[in-house]
Amino acid sequence: MSQPRPEREIPCRYCHAPNDPGSSECWLCQRRGWRPAPGAAPAYESPIRVGPRPTATIGGLMIVIAMIAVFLAVAAVLAPAVAIALLVSAVPAFIVTEFKDSLRRRRGEEGYSLGQKVAWFIGLTILIPVTCGAVLIGVVVLCIALS
């Protein structure tokens, strides 16, 4: 005996994400009026599929494990102060990079490639401490000028 065929998914008219026919709102853009208008031409089906979160894959988890290993190695070999500086600059860069990638995927766009992620990560690892240092220097100069 064959199993019943599932109903065909209906694409959202705004973001083109596939939705179950019985759902009240689009799972991606959260709009209630997501169904195509009656008699409308067939909706465009996006070739981009939203995948799992980057840290939910084995590759994403390996990146996190590698970051932890580098941090522990630096802490054990060089000095705890260097490890703390590395942690303070790398963790926010990793979080911002993954957040930007997840936003792109939520909008239905293609996620960043590995090269783009590495470029964002390295750029932010440098930019975040430089910006924090500039703010700190500005605060110190302001405090000296006001005293």
C-alpha atoms as a PDB file:
ATOM      1  CA  MET A   1       0.000   0.000   0.000  1.00  0.00           C
ATOM      2  CA  SER A   2       1.459   3.352  -0.990  1.00  0.00           C
ATOM      3  CA  GLN A   3       1.738   6.217   1.434  1.00  0.00           C
ATOM      4  CA  PRO A   4      -0.334   9.368   0.808  1.00  0.00           C
ATOM      5  CA  ARG A   5       1.475  12.053  -1.130  1.00  0.00           C
ATOM      6  CA  PRO A   6       2.278  15.166   0.885  1.00  0.00           C
ATOM      7  CA  GLU A   7       0.740  18.401  -0.345  1.00  0.00           C
ATOM      8  CA  ARG A   8       2.973  20.551  -2.531  1.00  0.00           C
ATOM      9  CA  GLU A   9       4.677  23.437  -0.762  1.00  0.00           C
ATOM     10  CA  ILE A  10       3.503  26.900  -1.772  1.00  0.00           C
ATOM     11  CA  PRO A  11       6.147  29.647  -2.199  1.00  0.00           C
ATOM     12  CA  CYS A  12       5.670  32.948  -0.366  1.00  0.00           C
ATOM     13  CA  ARG A  13       4.818  35.824  -2.684  1.00  0.00           C
ATOM     14  CA  TYR A  14       7.314  38.114  -0.911  1.00  0.00           C
ATOM     15  CA  CYS A  15      10.422  36.056  -0.112  1.00  0.00           C
ATOM     16  CA  HIS A  16       9.670  32.923  -2.191  1.00  0.00           C
ATOM     17  CA  ALA A  17      10.337  30.586   0.735  1.00  0.00           C
ATOM     18  CA  PRO A  18       8.481  27.265   0.491  1.00  0.00           C
ATOM     19  CA  ASN A  19       5.614  27.040   3.009  1.00  0.00           C
ATOM     20  CA  ASP A  20       3.215  24.321   4.063  1.00  0.00           C
ATOM     21  CA  PRO A  21      -0.239  24.861   2.554  1.00  0.00           C
ATOM     22  CA  GLY A  22      -1.847  24.924   6.021  1.00  0.00           C
ATOM     23  CA  SER A  23       0.451  27.510   7.625  1.00  0.00           C
ATOM     24  CA  SER A  24      -0.989  30.906   8.541  1.00  0.00           C
ATOM     25  CA  GLU A  25       2.217  32.889   8.023  1.00  0.00           C
ATOM     26  CA  CYS A  26       5.453  32.534   6.087  1.00  0.00           C
ATOM     27  CA  TRP A  27       8.122  30.800   8.155  1.00  0.00           C
ATOM     28  CA  LEU A  28      10.890  33.019   6.730  1.00  0.00           C
ATOM     29  CA  CYS A  29       9.542  36.572   6.475  1.00  0.00           C
ATOM     30  CA  GLN A  30       6.711  36.066   9.041  1.00  0.00           C
ATOM     31  CA  ARG A  31       4.104  37.797   6.855  1.00  0.00           C
ATOM     32  CA  ARG A  32       0.493  36.692   7.162  1.00  0.00           C
ATOM     33  CA  GLY A  33      -0.591  37.472   3.588  1.00  0.00           C
ATOM     34  CA  TRP A  34       2.074  35.251   2.051  1.00  0.00           C
ATOM     35  CA  ARG A  35      -0.166  33.211  -0.257  1.00  0.00           C
ATOM     36  CA  PRO A  36      -0.118  34.067  -3.966  1.00  0.00           C
ATOM     37  CA  ALA A  37      -3.149  35.970  -5.241  1.00  0.00           C
ATOM     38  CA  PRO A  38      -5.796  33.751  -6.898  1.00  0.00           C
ATOM     39  CA  GLY A  39      -5.213  33.497 -10.627  1.00  0.00           C
ATOM     40  CA  ALA A  40      -1.677  34.856 -10.333  1.00  0.00           C
ATOM     41  CA  ALA A  41       1.097  33.441 -12.468  1.00  0.00           C
ATOM     42  CA  PRO A  42       3.148  30.666 -10.864  1.00  0.00           C
ATOM     43  CA  ALA A  43       5.574  32.148  -8.373  1.00  0.00           C
ATOM     44  CA  TYR A  44       9.269  32.200  -9.002  1.00  0.00           C
ATOM     45  CA  GLU A  45      11.062  29.463  -7.096  1.00  0.00           C
ATOM     46  CA  SER A  46      14.367  30.625  -5.679  1.00  0.00           C
ATOM     47  CA  PRO A  47      17.280  28.239  -6.310  1.00  0.00           C
ATOM     48  CA  ILE A  48      18.736  29.264  -2.938  1.00  0.00           C
ATOM     49  CA  ARG A  49      17.798  26.991  -0.077  1.00  0.00           C
ATOM     50  CA  VAL A  50      18.240  28.091   3.509  1.00  0.00           C
ATOM     51  CA  GLY A  51      20.412  25.547   5.258  1.00  0.00           C
ATOM     52  CA  PRO A  52      21.209  24.912   8.885  1.00  0.00           C
ATOM     53  CA  ARG A  53      23.038  27.409  11.065  1.00  0.00           C
ATOM     54  CA  PRO A  54      26.784  27.419  10.355  1.00  0.00           C
ATOM     55  CA  THR A  55      27.595  26.225  13.869  1.00  0.00           C
ATOM     56  CA  ALA A  56      25.041  23.411  13.537  1.00  0.00           C
ATOM     57  CA  THR A  57      27.185  21.689  10.907  1.00  0.00           C
ATOM     58  CA  ILE A  58      30.289  19.661  11.609  1.00  0.00           C
ATOM     59  CA  GLY A  59      32.412  22.284   9.810  1.00  0.00           C
ATOM     60  CA  GLY A  60      31.071  25.086  12.008  1.00  0.00           C
ATOM     61  CA  LEU A  61      31.690  23.069  15.142  1.00  0.00           C
ATOM     62  CA  MET A  62      35.245  22.283  14.026  1.00  0.00           C
ATOM     63  CA  ILE A  63      35.926  26.012  13.593  1.00  0.00           C
ATOM     64  CA  VAL A  64      34.738  26.665  17.146  1.00  0.00           C
ATOM     65  CA  ILE A  65      36.865  23.767  18.459  1.00  0.00           C
ATOM     66  CA  ALA A  66      39.904  25.073  16.547  1.00  0.00           C
ATOM     67  CA  MET A  67      39.408  28.548  18.049  1.00  0.00           C
ATOM     68  CA  ILE A  68      39.291  27.044  21.541  1.00  0.00           C
ATOM     69  CA  ALA A  69      42.425  24.979  20.848  1.00  0.00           C
ATOM     70  CA  VAL A  70      44.352  28.028  19.594  1.00  0.00           C
ATOM     71  CA  PHE A  71      43.258  30.007  22.654  1.00  0.00           C
ATOM     72  CA  LEU A  72      44.376  27.260  25.042  1.00  0.00           C
ATOM     73  CA  ALA A  73      47.708  26.820  23.222  1.00  0.00           C
ATOM     74  CA  VAL A  74      48.434  30.544  23.360  1.00  0.00           C
ATOM     75  CA  ALA A  75      47.473  30.631  27.048  1.00  0.00           C
ATOM     76  CA  ALA A  76      49.756  27.700  27.886  1.00  0.00           C
ATOM     77  CA  VAL A  77      52.771  28.632  25.744  1.00  0.00           C
ATOM     78  CA  LEU A  78      52.953  32.417  25.489  1.00  0.00           C
ATOM     79  CA  ALA A  79      51.147  34.133  28.309  1.00  0.00           C
ATOM     80  CA  PRO A  80      47.648  34.447  29.693  1.00  0.00           C
ATOM     81  CA  ALA A  81      47.593  38.156  28.798  1.00  0.00           C
ATOM     82  CA  VAL A  82      48.155  37.385  25.112  1.00  0.00           C
ATOM     83  CA  ALA A  83      45.434  34.707  25.243  1.00  0.00           C
ATOM     84  CA  ILE A  84      42.979  37.152  26.796  1.00  0.00           C
ATOM     85  CA  ALA A  85      43.767  39.754  24.109  1.00  0.00           C
ATOM     86  CA  LEU A  86      43.235  37.097  21.437  1.00  0.00           C
ATOM     87  CA  LEU A  87      39.953  36.062  23.037  1.00  0.00           C
ATOM     88  CA  VAL A  88      38.720  39.655  23.335  1.00  0.00           C
ATOM     89  CA  SER A  89      39.391  40.320  19.646  1.00  0.00           C
ATOM     90  CA  ALA A  90      38.449  36.943  18.096  1.00  0.00           C
ATOM     91  CA  VAL A  91      35.157  36.105  19.834  1.00  0.00           C
ATOM     92  CA  PRO A  92      33.301  39.305  18.830  1.00  0.00           C
ATOM     93  CA  ALA A  93      34.674  38.960  15.290  1.00  0.00           C
ATOM     94  CA  PHE A  94      33.393  35.377  15.090  1.00  0.00           C
ATOM     95  CA  ILE A  95      29.976  36.359  16.463  1.00  0.00           C
ATOM     96  CA  VAL A  96      29.577  39.301  14.058  1.00  0.00           C
ATOM     97  CA  THR A  97      30.694  37.189  11.071  1.00  0.00           C
ATOM     98  CA  GLU A  98      28.228  34.400  11.854  1.00  0.00           C
ATOM     99  CA  PHE A  99      25.445  36.922  12.561  1.00  0.00           C
ATOM    100  CA  LYS A 100      25.976  38.662   9.209  1.00  0.00           C
ATOM    101  CA  ASP A 101      25.957  35.296   7.429  1.00  0.00           C
ATOM    102  CA  SER A 102      22.744  34.200   9.150  1.00  0.00           C
ATOM    103  CA  LEU A 103      21.043  37.496   8.233  1.00  0.00           C
ATOM    104  CA  ARG A 104      21.906  36.946   4.578  1.00  0.00           C
ATOM    105  CA  ARG A 105      20.490  33.433   4.698  1.00  0.00           C
ATOM    106  CA  ARG A 106      17.298  34.628   6.406  1.00  0.00           C
ATOM    107  CA  ARG A 107      16.743  37.158   3.624  1.00  0.00           C
ATOM    108  CA  GLY A 108      16.968  34.297   1.155  1.00  0.00           C
ATOM    109  CA  GLU A 109      20.338  35.355  -0.214  1.00  0.00           C
ATOM    110  CA  GLU A 110      23.280  33.056  -0.632  1.00  0.00           C
ATOM    111  CA  GLY A 111      25.446  32.833   2.486  1.00  0.00           C
ATOM    112  CA  TYR A 112      29.059  33.924   2.592  1.00  0.00           C
ATOM    113  CA  SER A 113      31.632  31.603   1.098  1.00  0.00           C
ATOM    114  CA  LEU A 114      34.453  30.304   3.269  1.00  0.00           C
ATOM    115  CA  GLY A 115      36.845  32.907   1.808  1.00  0.00           C
ATOM    116  CA  GLN A 116      34.419  35.733   2.546  1.00  0.00           C
ATOM    117  CA  LYS A 117      33.922  34.483   6.100  1.00  0.00           C
ATOM    118  CA  VAL A 118      37.683  34.312   6.664  1.00  0.00           C
ATOM    119  CA  ALA A 119      38.110  37.837   5.264  1.00  0.00           C
ATOM    120  CA  TRP A 120      35.340  39.215   7.510  1.00  0.00           C
ATOM    121  CA  PHE A 121      36.760  37.366  10.529  1.00  0.00           C
ATOM    122  CA  ILE A 122      40.334  38.617   9.994  1.00  0.00           C
ATOM    123  CA  GLY A 123      39.166  42.160   9.247  1.00  0.00           C
ATOM    124  CA  LEU A 124      36.975  42.300  12.332  1.00  0.00           C
ATOM    125  CA  THR A 125      39.656  40.667  14.498  1.00  0.00           C
ATOM    126  CA  ILE A 126      41.867  43.635  13.612  1.00  0.00           C
ATOM    127  CA  LEU A 127      39.186  46.343  13.466  1.00  0.00           C
ATOM    128  CA  ILE A 128      37.461  45.676  16.809  1.00  0.00           C
ATOM    129  CA  PRO A 129      40.598  46.078  19.010  1.00  0.00           C
ATOM    130  CA  VAL A 130      41.778  49.097  16.999  1.00  0.00           C
ATOM    131  CA  THR A 131      38.389  50.774  17.419  1.00  0.00           C
ATOM    132  CA  CYS A 132      38.271  49.966  21.146  1.00  0.00           C
ATOM    133  CA  GLY A 133      41.815  51.297  21.544  1.00  0.00           C
ATOM    134  CA  ALA A 134      40.929  54.518  19.720  1.00  0.00           C
ATOM    135  CA  VAL A 135      37.890  55.024  21.942  1.00  0.00           C
ATOM    136  CA  LEU A 136      39.992  54.355  25.049  1.00  0.00           C
ATOM    137  CA  ILE A 137      42.640  56.848  23.948  1.00  0.00           C
ATOM    138  CA  GLY A 138      39.919  59.422  23.222  1.00  0.00           C
ATOM    139  CA  VAL A 139      38.398  58.958  26.675  1.00  0.00           C
ATOM    140  CA  VAL A 140      41.810  59.290  28.365  1.00  0.00           C
ATOM    141  CA  VAL A 141      42.632  62.465  26.396  1.00  0.00           C
ATOM    142  CA  LEU A 142      39.206  63.890  27.235  1.00  0.00           C
ATOM    143  CA  CYS A 143      39.657  63.118  30.934  1.00  0.00           C
ATOM    144  CA  ILE A 144      43.111  64.728  30.942  1.00  0.00           C
ATOM    145  CA  ALA A 145      41.779  67.812  29.121  1.00  0.00           C
ATOM    146  CA  LEU A 146      38.869  68.236  31.557  1.00  0.00           C
ATOM    147  CA  SER A 147      41.000  67.871  34.689  1.00  0.00           C
END
